[in-house]
Amino acid sequence: MKKSLKYIAAILVLLLAATFYFAHKSAPVATGYPAKYLCSHTFNSGQDADEGMERFVRPVNPLFSLVRHEVDYENKAVTVKLFGWLLPSTAVYREGCGCTLLVDMDREALMAQAEGLSIERPVLKDTLWPIGNRVELDRIPDNVDIDKLNERLRREFQETAENPKERLNTLAIVVAYQGRIIAEHYRPGITDTTPLLSWSASKSITSALVGRLVQTQGLDIHQPAGFPAWAEDDRNAITIDQLLRMESGLAFDERYAPLSDAVEMLYNSPDMGAYALAKPLSAKPGTQWSYSSGTTNILAKILLEKTGGSLRRLEEFAHNELFQKLGMRTALFEHDESGAFVGSSYFYASPKDWLRFALLYQNKGVWNGEQLLPEGWVDYCLTPTPHAPGGRYGAQIWLNAGGAGPGERLLPRLPEDAFAFEGYQGQWIVVIPSRDLMVARFGVTNRPGWSVEELILDILEAL
């Protein structure tokens, strides 16, 4: 009997140890994800933290039912703990920089990094979008069935699912047609100036900033990236072009699960670009396409280094060279502790500002008469990457133009010239040049089967 009790006790100890080990290894996502999300949700977007936790965070992962959050409004920080006391993670807000998850730094060191930063937001003329922010919804092209269009957009905000995991959670939809906004709908609490999280649509902004480096500094994307860490092995052949096209050959586990590369990078790395830089090759550069947020954060590291190596100089470059020129007042790129942008995932802007960016690409890089992106840059970005399945990917942009059959295209029932800036949970900015249509849709959508393609097809029926 005593021997049996010893065995049972030993098993219980092992189970407790295994549970603690799993909890410790899961902490970057279990507490890091909610801390970072809620900090940005509260201080970037001006939304309620408690609602964000219950409606947008807890349904994503069962782990999030085990955590508790605390919001420090005075110091603009959010702390999340497992079971309310274990393995805390804290994210801190900095004006102009958004929220950063503390990994190796304390709050004081992080704040000092941005000391003296002053971002001048563009002053928009009191005129129609895109030069201003006004819209005239009573002056709609004759071929638009505006009642049908608005009725369809309103349906995207009507919740029919009781299961939190199946809610649409649509935040905003804005439709631009023939160069003007013809419809805009927002969730209560969201306005046309609310910066919203774009997740992986951020990658396209990172690509555009690389384009500005090409335009302003003569950066040659077809030369090796030149990182010293790669100098002594086959990684020294990796070019910026291959990074832009996700053909670097670097190993990277993009799954969002405990211990995966994506989670370790986003929630447990002070320097996300350095984390991805350290990965070994899994294929010869230029021979295999592999979607990788790590690759984009290497590009973000290049942006940091090429603009002077400091958070302040990077912010000045991004705003002076792109956001100011486009009139993107709400544009906000968050940083890791190294000072680099989290180029893969953490760009915030309003849908109207996103459509300004989309219009830049529809107009081949020209804005208000100025060539903001190098001649040929947009065509380069929209050229299918050779090894991407179905030619669905260009240079940090999703494409419909790969030449594959309709069933293999990204959005099979939309025209072949459609392209998209797309992110997790239903962030879509879709451009269809042949129809002179752009649609920006933002949400926190986990519903299986929800389709942006269905939404856009219905929009097209109203035109």
Protein backbone atom coordinates (compact mmCIF):
# COMPACT_ATOMS: atom_id res chain seq x y z
CA MET A 1 0.00 0.00 0.00
CA LYS A 2 2.79 2.39 1.00
CA LYS A 3 4.65 1.53 -2.19
CA SER A 4 1.55 2.31 -4.27
CA LEU A 5 1.12 5.66 -2.50
CA LYS A 6 4.75 6.50 -3.29
CA TYR A 7 4.15 5.74 -6.97
CA ILE A 8 0.99 7.87 -6.98
CA ALA A 9 2.81 10.71 -5.25
CA ALA A 10 5.68 10.49 -7.74
CA ILE A 11 3.25 10.59 -10.65
CA LEU A 12 1.49 13.62 -9.18
CA VAL A 13 4.81 15.41 -8.74
CA LEU A 14 5.73 14.65 -12.34
CA LEU A 15 2.35 15.88 -13.54
CA LEU A 16 2.72 19.10 -11.56
CA ALA A 17 6.24 19.58 -12.89
CA ALA A 18 5.07 18.97 -16.45
CA THR A 19 2.17 21.38 -15.97
CA PHE A 20 4.49 24.08 -14.64
CA TYR A 21 6.97 23.48 -17.46
CA PHE A 22 4.21 23.76 -20.07
CA ALA A 23 2.85 26.89 -18.39
CA HIS A 24 6.31 28.43 -18.32
CA LYS A 25 6.94 27.63 -21.98
CA SER A 26 3.46 28.83 -22.91
CA ALA A 27 3.83 32.11 -21.03
CA PRO A 28 4.94 34.14 -24.07
CA VAL A 29 1.62 33.45 -25.75
CA ALA A 30 -0.54 32.84 -22.65
CA THR A 31 0.24 36.21 -21.06
CA GLY A 32 2.28 38.01 -23.74
CA TYR A 33 -0.40 37.98 -26.43
CA PRO A 34 -3.17 39.41 -24.19
CA ALA A 35 -0.84 42.02 -22.65
CA LYS A 36 0.33 43.31 -26.01
CA TYR A 37 -3.12 43.09 -27.65
CA LEU A 38 -4.96 44.83 -24.81
CA CYS A 39 -2.34 47.56 -24.48
CA SER A 40 -2.67 48.46 -28.17
CA HIS A 41 -6.45 47.98 -28.15
CA THR A 42 -6.74 50.41 -25.24
CA PHE A 43 -4.10 53.06 -25.91
CA ASN A 44 -3.73 52.96 -29.72
CA SER A 45 -7.38 52.42 -30.65
CA GLY A 46 -9.07 53.96 -27.60
CA GLN A 47 -11.22 50.90 -26.91
CA ASP A 48 -12.36 49.24 -23.68
CA ALA A 49 -9.87 46.71 -22.28
CA ASP A 50 -12.45 44.54 -20.49
CA GLU A 51 -14.58 44.19 -23.62
CA GLY A 52 -11.45 43.50 -25.65
CA MET A 53 -10.47 40.71 -23.29
CA GLU A 54 -13.88 39.02 -23.25
CA ARG A 55 -14.91 39.53 -26.86
CA PHE A 56 -11.65 39.53 -28.80
CA VAL A 57 -8.96 37.75 -26.76
CA ARG A 58 -10.50 34.89 -24.75
CA PRO A 59 -12.20 33.20 -27.77
CA VAL A 60 -8.86 32.89 -29.59
CA ASN A 61 -7.20 30.31 -27.32
CA PRO A 62 -8.29 28.26 -24.26
CA LEU A 63 -5.15 29.47 -22.44
CA PHE A 64 -6.63 32.96 -22.31
CA SER A 65 -9.41 31.81 -19.99
CA LEU A 66 -6.70 31.23 -17.36
CA VAL A 67 -5.26 34.76 -17.31
CA ARG A 68 -6.18 38.02 -15.61
CA HIS A 69 -5.34 41.51 -16.85
CA GLU A 70 -4.61 44.80 -15.12
CA VAL A 71 -4.62 48.19 -16.88
CA ASP A 72 -2.42 50.98 -15.51
CA TYR A 73 -4.00 54.05 -17.06
CA GLU A 74 -1.58 56.45 -15.39
CA ASN A 75 1.54 54.78 -16.82
CA LYS A 76 -0.27 53.46 -19.90
CA ALA A 77 0.64 49.81 -19.46
CA VAL A 78 -1.15 46.46 -19.32
CA THR A 79 0.00 43.48 -17.25
CA VAL A 80 -1.40 39.97 -17.68
CA LYS A 81 -0.76 37.05 -15.29
CA LEU A 82 -1.53 33.37 -15.49
CA PHE A 83 -4.13 32.54 -12.79
CA GLY A 84 -3.81 36.18 -11.71
CA TRP A 85 -0.34 35.78 -10.15
CA LEU A 86 1.98 33.62 -12.28
CA LEU A 87 4.37 34.44 -15.16
CA PRO A 88 3.40 38.09 -15.73
CA SER A 89 3.82 39.89 -19.05
CA THR A 90 3.66 43.68 -19.39
CA ALA A 91 3.22 45.85 -22.47
CA VAL A 92 3.96 49.58 -22.30
CA TYR A 93 2.56 52.38 -24.47
CA ARG A 94 4.75 55.18 -25.79
CA GLU A 95 3.28 58.21 -27.56
CA GLY A 96 3.93 57.92 -31.28
CA CYS A 97 5.29 54.38 -30.94
CA GLY A 98 2.32 52.42 -29.66
CA CYS A 99 2.84 49.42 -27.36
CA THR A 100 5.91 47.25 -26.84
CA LEU A 101 6.04 44.04 -24.83
CA LEU A 102 8.73 44.10 -22.13
CA VAL A 103 11.12 41.18 -22.58
CA ASP A 104 14.62 42.29 -21.50
CA MET A 105 14.00 45.98 -20.74
CA ASP A 106 12.17 47.66 -17.89
CA ARG A 107 9.66 50.44 -18.47
CA GLU A 108 12.13 53.24 -17.72
CA ALA A 109 14.69 52.01 -20.26
CA LEU A 110 11.99 51.57 -22.89
CA MET A 111 10.64 55.08 -22.32
CA ALA A 112 14.16 56.55 -22.50
CA GLN A 113 14.61 54.98 -25.93
CA ALA A 114 11.84 57.22 -27.33
CA GLU A 115 12.73 60.35 -25.36
CA GLY A 116 12.50 63.48 -27.47
CA LEU A 117 10.49 61.80 -30.22
CA SER A 118 7.98 64.20 -31.72
CA ILE A 119 5.93 63.05 -34.68
CA GLU A 120 4.22 65.75 -36.69
CA ARG A 121 0.97 64.40 -38.06
CA PRO A 122 -0.09 65.68 -41.49
CA VAL A 123 -2.64 68.48 -41.56
CA LEU A 124 -5.36 67.51 -44.00
CA LYS A 125 -7.12 70.07 -46.15
CA ASP A 126 -10.83 70.53 -45.56
CA THR A 127 -11.66 68.75 -48.76
CA LEU A 128 -12.76 65.39 -50.09
CA TRP A 129 -10.86 62.16 -49.49
CA PRO A 130 -8.13 61.27 -50.43
CA ILE A 131 -6.55 64.74 -50.13
CA GLY A 132 -8.83 65.51 -47.21
CA ASN A 133 -10.96 63.29 -45.00
CA ARG A 134 -14.44 64.41 -46.01
CA VAL A 135 -16.83 62.23 -47.97
CA GLU A 136 -19.98 63.25 -49.84
CA LEU A 137 -22.27 60.26 -49.66
CA ASP A 138 -25.07 62.17 -51.38
CA ARG A 139 -23.02 62.43 -54.59
CA ILE A 140 -22.72 58.83 -55.76
CA PRO A 141 -22.06 57.67 -59.35
CA ASP A 142 -25.31 56.88 -61.19
CA ASN A 143 -24.39 53.24 -61.75
CA VAL A 144 -24.13 52.52 -58.00
CA ASP A 145 -27.14 51.00 -56.25
CA ILE A 146 -26.29 52.68 -52.96
CA ASP A 147 -29.21 51.19 -51.01
CA LYS A 148 -28.21 47.67 -52.04
CA LEU A 149 -24.58 48.40 -51.20
CA ASN A 150 -25.29 49.80 -47.74
CA GLU A 151 -27.74 47.01 -46.90
CA ARG A 152 -25.05 44.46 -47.73
CA LEU A 153 -22.41 46.23 -45.66
CA ARG A 154 -24.74 46.52 -42.67
CA ARG A 155 -25.19 42.73 -42.71
CA GLU A 156 -21.48 42.37 -41.94
CA PHE A 157 -22.12 44.03 -38.58
CA GLN A 158 -25.13 41.87 -37.60
CA GLU A 159 -24.14 39.08 -35.23
CA THR A 160 -26.07 35.84 -35.57
CA ALA A 161 -23.73 33.44 -33.74
CA GLU A 162 -23.99 32.93 -29.98
CA ASN A 163 -20.65 31.12 -29.84
CA PRO A 164 -17.97 33.82 -29.26
CA LYS A 165 -15.62 31.91 -31.57
CA GLU A 166 -18.04 32.32 -34.48
CA ARG A 167 -18.79 36.02 -34.20
CA LEU A 168 -17.90 38.26 -37.12
CA ASN A 169 -16.74 41.13 -34.89
CA THR A 170 -16.61 43.45 -37.89
CA LEU A 171 -15.00 46.75 -36.89
CA ALA A 172 -15.07 48.77 -40.10
CA ILE A 173 -15.74 48.57 -43.84
CA VAL A 174 -14.95 51.39 -46.26
CA VAL A 175 -15.53 51.21 -50.02
CA ALA A 176 -13.80 53.49 -52.54
CA TYR A 177 -14.94 53.53 -56.16
CA GLN A 178 -13.60 55.64 -59.01
CA GLY A 179 -11.23 57.39 -56.66
CA ARG A 180 -13.77 58.42 -54.02
CA ILE A 181 -15.33 56.86 -50.94
CA ILE A 182 -18.92 55.81 -51.59
CA ALA A 183 -19.74 53.92 -48.37
CA GLU A 184 -18.34 53.59 -44.85
CA HIS A 185 -19.66 51.66 -41.85
CA TYR A 186 -18.15 51.33 -38.38
CA ARG A 187 -18.81 49.35 -35.23
CA PRO A 188 -20.07 51.52 -32.32
CA GLY A 189 -17.03 53.09 -30.65
CA ILE A 190 -15.01 53.01 -33.89
CA THR A 191 -14.76 56.18 -36.00
CA ASP A 192 -13.15 57.10 -39.30
CA THR A 193 -10.02 58.19 -37.40
CA THR A 194 -9.60 55.12 -35.16
CA PRO A 195 -6.27 53.34 -35.79
CA LEU A 196 -6.96 49.61 -36.20
CA LEU A 197 -4.63 46.62 -36.04
CA SER A 198 -3.73 45.23 -39.47
CA TRP A 199 -1.70 42.15 -38.44
CA SER A 200 0.11 40.79 -41.52
CA ALA A 201 -1.17 43.51 -43.84
CA SER A 202 1.66 45.39 -42.08
CA LYS A 203 4.08 43.49 -44.33
CA SER A 204 2.96 45.56 -47.32
CA ILE A 205 3.75 48.80 -45.47
CA THR A 206 7.21 47.42 -44.68
CA SER A 207 7.69 46.67 -48.38
CA ALA A 208 6.70 50.22 -49.32
CA LEU A 209 9.21 51.66 -46.84
CA VAL A 210 11.91 49.51 -48.48
CA GLY A 211 10.74 51.03 -51.76
CA ARG A 212 11.27 54.50 -50.29
CA LEU A 213 14.83 53.46 -49.36
CA VAL A 214 15.36 52.45 -52.99
CA GLN A 215 13.94 55.82 -54.08
CA THR A 216 15.81 58.03 -51.61
CA GLN A 217 19.04 56.16 -50.93
CA GLY A 218 19.57 54.04 -54.02
CA LEU A 219 19.28 50.76 -52.12
CA ASP A 220 19.96 47.82 -54.46
CA ILE A 221 17.56 45.04 -53.53
CA HIS A 222 19.31 42.54 -55.79
CA GLN A 223 22.52 42.68 -53.78
CA PRO A 224 23.11 40.45 -50.73
CA ALA A 225 21.56 41.84 -47.55
CA GLY A 226 25.06 41.95 -46.04
CA PHE A 227 24.47 40.99 -42.41
CA PRO A 228 27.75 40.19 -40.61
CA ALA A 229 26.06 37.19 -38.93
CA TRP A 230 25.72 35.61 -42.39
CA ALA A 231 29.24 36.37 -43.62
CA GLU A 232 30.74 32.95 -42.96
CA ASP A 233 28.09 30.66 -44.42
CA ASP A 234 25.71 30.21 -47.35
CA ARG A 235 23.27 32.76 -45.94
CA ASN A 236 25.60 35.51 -47.20
CA ALA A 237 24.01 35.04 -50.66
CA ILE A 238 20.51 36.06 -49.48
CA THR A 239 19.38 39.21 -51.27
CA ILE A 240 16.84 41.81 -50.16
CA ASP A 241 14.76 40.79 -53.18
CA GLN A 242 14.60 37.23 -51.84
CA LEU A 243 13.56 38.55 -48.44
CA LEU A 244 10.82 40.65 -50.01
CA ARG A 245 9.57 37.63 -51.94
CA MET A 246 9.75 35.14 -49.03
CA GLU A 247 12.40 33.10 -50.85
CA SER A 248 15.30 33.58 -48.45
CA GLY A 249 15.49 29.86 -47.68
CA LEU A 250 15.67 30.56 -43.92
CA ALA A 251 13.93 28.06 -41.67
CA PHE A 252 10.95 29.55 -39.82
CA ASP A 253 7.91 27.93 -38.20
CA GLU A 254 5.00 30.30 -38.90
CA ARG A 255 2.48 28.35 -36.78
CA TYR A 256 0.95 30.28 -33.88
CA ALA A 257 1.39 27.70 -31.14
CA PRO A 258 3.57 27.46 -27.99
CA LEU A 259 7.28 27.11 -28.82
CA SER A 260 6.82 27.93 -32.52
CA ASP A 261 9.13 30.48 -34.12
CA ALA A 262 6.33 32.97 -34.75
CA VAL A 263 5.26 32.98 -31.10
CA GLU A 264 8.79 33.03 -29.70
CA MET A 265 9.68 35.93 -31.99
CA LEU A 266 6.59 38.07 -31.34
CA TYR A 267 6.24 37.45 -27.59
CA ASN A 268 9.63 36.44 -26.26
CA SER A 269 12.26 38.27 -28.33
CA PRO A 270 13.67 41.73 -27.64
CA ASP A 271 15.05 41.93 -31.21
CA MET A 272 12.72 40.17 -33.63
CA GLY A 273 14.90 40.71 -36.67
CA ALA A 274 17.88 39.20 -34.85
CA TYR A 275 15.77 36.18 -33.89
CA ALA A 276 14.93 35.53 -37.54
CA LEU A 277 18.50 36.29 -38.68
CA ALA A 278 19.82 33.50 -36.49
CA LYS A 279 17.72 30.82 -38.19
CA PRO A 280 19.62 28.35 -40.42
CA LEU A 281 18.90 27.71 -44.06
CA SER A 282 16.35 25.04 -44.88
CA ALA A 283 16.65 25.58 -48.64
CA LYS A 284 18.99 27.29 -51.05
CA PRO A 285 18.09 31.00 -51.31
CA GLY A 286 15.81 31.71 -54.25
CA THR A 287 14.63 28.13 -54.73
CA GLN A 288 11.67 27.80 -52.34
CA TRP A 289 8.82 30.08 -51.25
CA SER A 290 7.94 29.96 -47.56
CA TYR A 291 5.68 32.49 -45.85
CA SER A 292 7.56 33.88 -42.85
CA SER A 293 6.90 36.78 -40.51
CA GLY A 294 10.52 36.42 -39.47
CA THR A 295 11.63 37.33 -42.99
CA THR A 296 9.64 40.58 -42.84
CA ASN A 297 11.22 41.48 -39.50
CA ILE A 298 14.64 41.06 -41.10
CA LEU A 299 13.50 43.69 -43.61
CA ALA A 300 12.42 45.85 -40.66
CA LYS A 301 15.93 45.48 -39.23
CA ILE A 302 17.36 46.67 -42.56
CA LEU A 303 15.05 49.71 -42.37
CA LEU A 304 16.32 50.51 -38.87
CA GLU A 305 19.98 50.23 -39.87
CA LYS A 306 19.65 52.11 -43.17
CA THR A 307 17.82 55.05 -41.59
CA GLY A 308 20.38 55.72 -38.87
CA GLY A 309 20.06 52.90 -36.36
CA SER A 310 17.78 54.63 -33.85
CA LEU A 311 14.06 54.52 -33.13
CA ARG A 312 13.83 58.29 -33.59
CA ARG A 313 15.52 58.33 -37.01
CA LEU A 314 13.40 55.39 -38.18
CA GLU A 315 10.17 57.11 -37.15
CA GLU A 316 11.24 60.33 -38.87
CA PHE A 317 11.99 58.44 -42.07
CA ALA A 318 8.67 56.56 -42.10
CA HIS A 319 6.59 59.65 -41.40
CA ASN A 320 8.50 62.18 -43.51
CA GLU A 321 8.99 59.90 -46.49
CA LEU A 322 5.66 58.08 -46.63
CA PHE A 323 2.93 58.75 -44.07
CA GLN A 324 3.12 62.55 -44.21
CA LYS A 325 3.14 62.58 -47.99
CA LEU A 326 0.06 60.34 -48.17
CA GLY A 327 -1.80 62.24 -45.47
CA MET A 328 -1.96 59.16 -43.24
CA ARG A 329 -2.68 60.94 -39.95
CA THR A 330 -3.46 57.75 -38.01
CA ALA A 331 -0.45 55.69 -39.18
CA LEU A 332 1.36 54.08 -36.25
CA PHE A 333 4.02 51.35 -36.45
CA GLU A 334 4.89 49.61 -33.18
CA HIS A 335 8.44 48.61 -32.22
CA ASP A 336 10.30 45.80 -30.53
CA GLU A 337 12.88 46.56 -27.83
CA SER A 338 15.66 46.99 -30.39
CA GLY A 339 13.85 50.02 -31.78
CA ALA A 340 12.90 48.32 -35.06
CA PHE A 341 9.36 48.24 -36.37
CA VAL A 342 7.53 44.95 -35.90
CA GLY A 343 7.25 44.99 -39.67
CA SER A 344 5.41 41.70 -39.87
CA SER A 345 2.42 42.44 -37.68
CA TYR A 346 1.97 45.67 -35.72
CA PHE A 347 0.96 48.52 -38.01
CA TYR A 348 -2.15 50.53 -37.04
CA ALA A 349 -4.13 52.92 -39.22
CA SER A 350 -7.72 53.87 -40.03
CA PRO A 351 -9.41 52.27 -43.05
CA LYS A 352 -9.40 55.64 -44.84
CA ASP A 353 -5.63 55.87 -44.40
CA TRP A 354 -5.22 52.29 -45.59
CA LEU A 355 -7.18 53.17 -48.72
CA ARG A 356 -4.81 56.10 -49.32
CA PHE A 357 -1.99 53.58 -49.28
CA ALA A 358 -3.95 51.27 -51.60
CA LEU A 359 -4.57 54.15 -53.99
CA LEU A 360 -0.81 54.76 -54.15
CA TYR A 361 -0.40 51.21 -55.47
CA GLN A 362 -3.36 51.47 -57.83
CA ASN A 363 -1.71 54.61 -59.24
CA LYS A 364 1.65 52.85 -59.79
CA GLY A 365 3.41 54.65 -56.93
CA VAL A 366 2.34 58.18 -57.90
CA TRP A 367 0.66 60.39 -55.30
CA ASN A 368 -0.74 63.81 -56.11
CA GLY A 369 1.69 64.10 -59.03
CA GLU A 370 4.77 62.92 -57.12
CA GLN A 371 6.49 59.58 -57.83
CA LEU A 372 6.67 58.33 -54.22
CA LEU A 373 7.78 54.81 -55.11
CA PRO A 374 10.46 54.14 -57.74
CA GLU A 375 9.22 53.76 -61.28
CA GLY A 376 8.50 50.08 -61.79
CA TRP A 377 8.35 49.34 -58.03
CA VAL A 378 4.62 48.63 -57.98
CA ASP A 379 4.92 46.37 -61.02
CA TYR A 380 7.79 44.59 -59.26
CA CYS A 381 5.70 44.12 -56.10
CA LEU A 382 2.73 42.82 -58.10
CA THR A 383 4.80 40.38 -60.17
CA PRO A 384 4.20 36.80 -58.97
CA THR A 385 7.08 35.19 -57.11
CA PRO A 386 8.24 32.18 -59.17
CA HIS A 387 7.93 29.53 -56.46
CA ALA A 388 4.83 30.88 -54.68
CA PRO A 389 1.91 28.42 -55.02
CA GLY A 390 -0.26 29.54 -57.91
CA GLY A 391 1.80 32.71 -58.17
CA ARG A 392 -0.26 34.13 -55.31
CA TYR A 393 2.50 36.25 -53.76
CA GLY A 394 4.58 39.18 -54.96
CA ALA A 395 6.84 41.34 -52.82
CA GLN A 396 4.99 41.26 -49.45
CA ILE A 397 1.62 41.51 -51.27
CA TRP A 398 -0.97 38.82 -52.07
CA LEU A 399 -1.93 38.49 -55.74
CA ASN A 400 -4.60 37.10 -58.02
CA ALA A 401 -2.31 37.38 -61.06
CA GLY A 402 -0.28 34.19 -60.93
CA GLY A 403 -1.55 32.80 -64.21
CA ALA A 404 -3.00 29.74 -62.49
CA GLY A 405 -6.50 28.45 -63.09
CA PRO A 406 -9.34 30.22 -61.24
CA GLY A 407 -9.48 27.51 -58.57
CA GLU A 408 -5.85 28.12 -57.62
CA ARG A 409 -6.03 31.90 -57.34
CA LEU A 410 -6.17 33.68 -54.00
CA LEU A 411 -9.68 35.02 -54.68
CA PRO A 412 -10.84 32.78 -57.55
CA ARG A 413 -14.01 34.65 -58.52
CA LEU A 414 -12.45 38.09 -58.57
CA PRO A 415 -10.58 39.56 -61.55
CA GLU A 416 -7.00 38.48 -62.16
CA ASP A 417 -5.60 41.95 -61.51
CA ALA A 418 -6.91 41.98 -57.91
CA PHE A 419 -4.31 42.23 -55.16
CA ALA A 420 -4.58 42.43 -51.40
CA PHE A 421 -2.92 43.53 -48.19
CA GLU A 422 -4.18 40.83 -45.82
CA GLY A 423 -3.88 40.01 -42.14
CA TYR A 424 -5.01 37.58 -39.43
CA GLN A 425 -8.65 37.58 -38.27
CA GLY A 426 -10.07 39.15 -41.41
CA GLN A 427 -8.02 42.25 -42.14
CA TRP A 428 -8.38 42.82 -45.88
CA ILE A 429 -7.55 45.76 -48.10
CA VAL A 430 -8.43 44.57 -51.62
CA VAL A 431 -7.69 46.52 -54.80
CA ILE A 432 -9.25 45.69 -58.19
CA PRO A 433 -7.77 48.17 -60.69
CA SER A 434 -9.89 46.93 -63.61
CA ARG A 435 -13.05 47.80 -61.65
CA ASP A 436 -11.55 50.95 -60.06
CA LEU A 437 -12.60 49.50 -56.71
CA MET A 438 -10.90 49.35 -53.32
CA VAL A 439 -12.37 47.80 -50.17
CA ALA A 440 -10.95 47.99 -46.64
CA ARG A 441 -12.44 45.57 -44.11
CA PHE A 442 -11.26 45.21 -40.51
CA GLY A 443 -12.45 42.89 -37.76
CA VAL A 444 -11.60 40.27 -35.17
CA THR A 445 -13.14 37.36 -37.05
CA ASN A 446 -12.54 33.70 -36.25
CA ARG A 447 -15.69 32.32 -37.90
CA PRO A 448 -14.93 29.33 -40.15
CA GLY A 449 -16.15 29.91 -43.65
CA TRP A 450 -16.36 33.70 -43.54
CA SER A 451 -15.28 34.98 -46.95
CA VAL A 452 -14.06 38.40 -48.00
CA GLU A 453 -14.57 37.19 -51.57
CA GLU A 454 -18.33 36.83 -51.00
CA LEU A 455 -18.42 40.34 -49.55
CA ILE A 456 -16.61 41.86 -52.51
CA LEU A 457 -18.69 39.95 -55.06
CA ASP A 458 -21.81 41.40 -53.45
CA ILE A 459 -20.23 44.88 -53.54
CA LEU A 460 -19.50 44.44 -57.24
CA GLU A 461 -23.14 43.49 -57.86
CA ALA A 462 -24.14 46.89 -56.51
CA LEU A 463 -21.92 48.75 -58.98
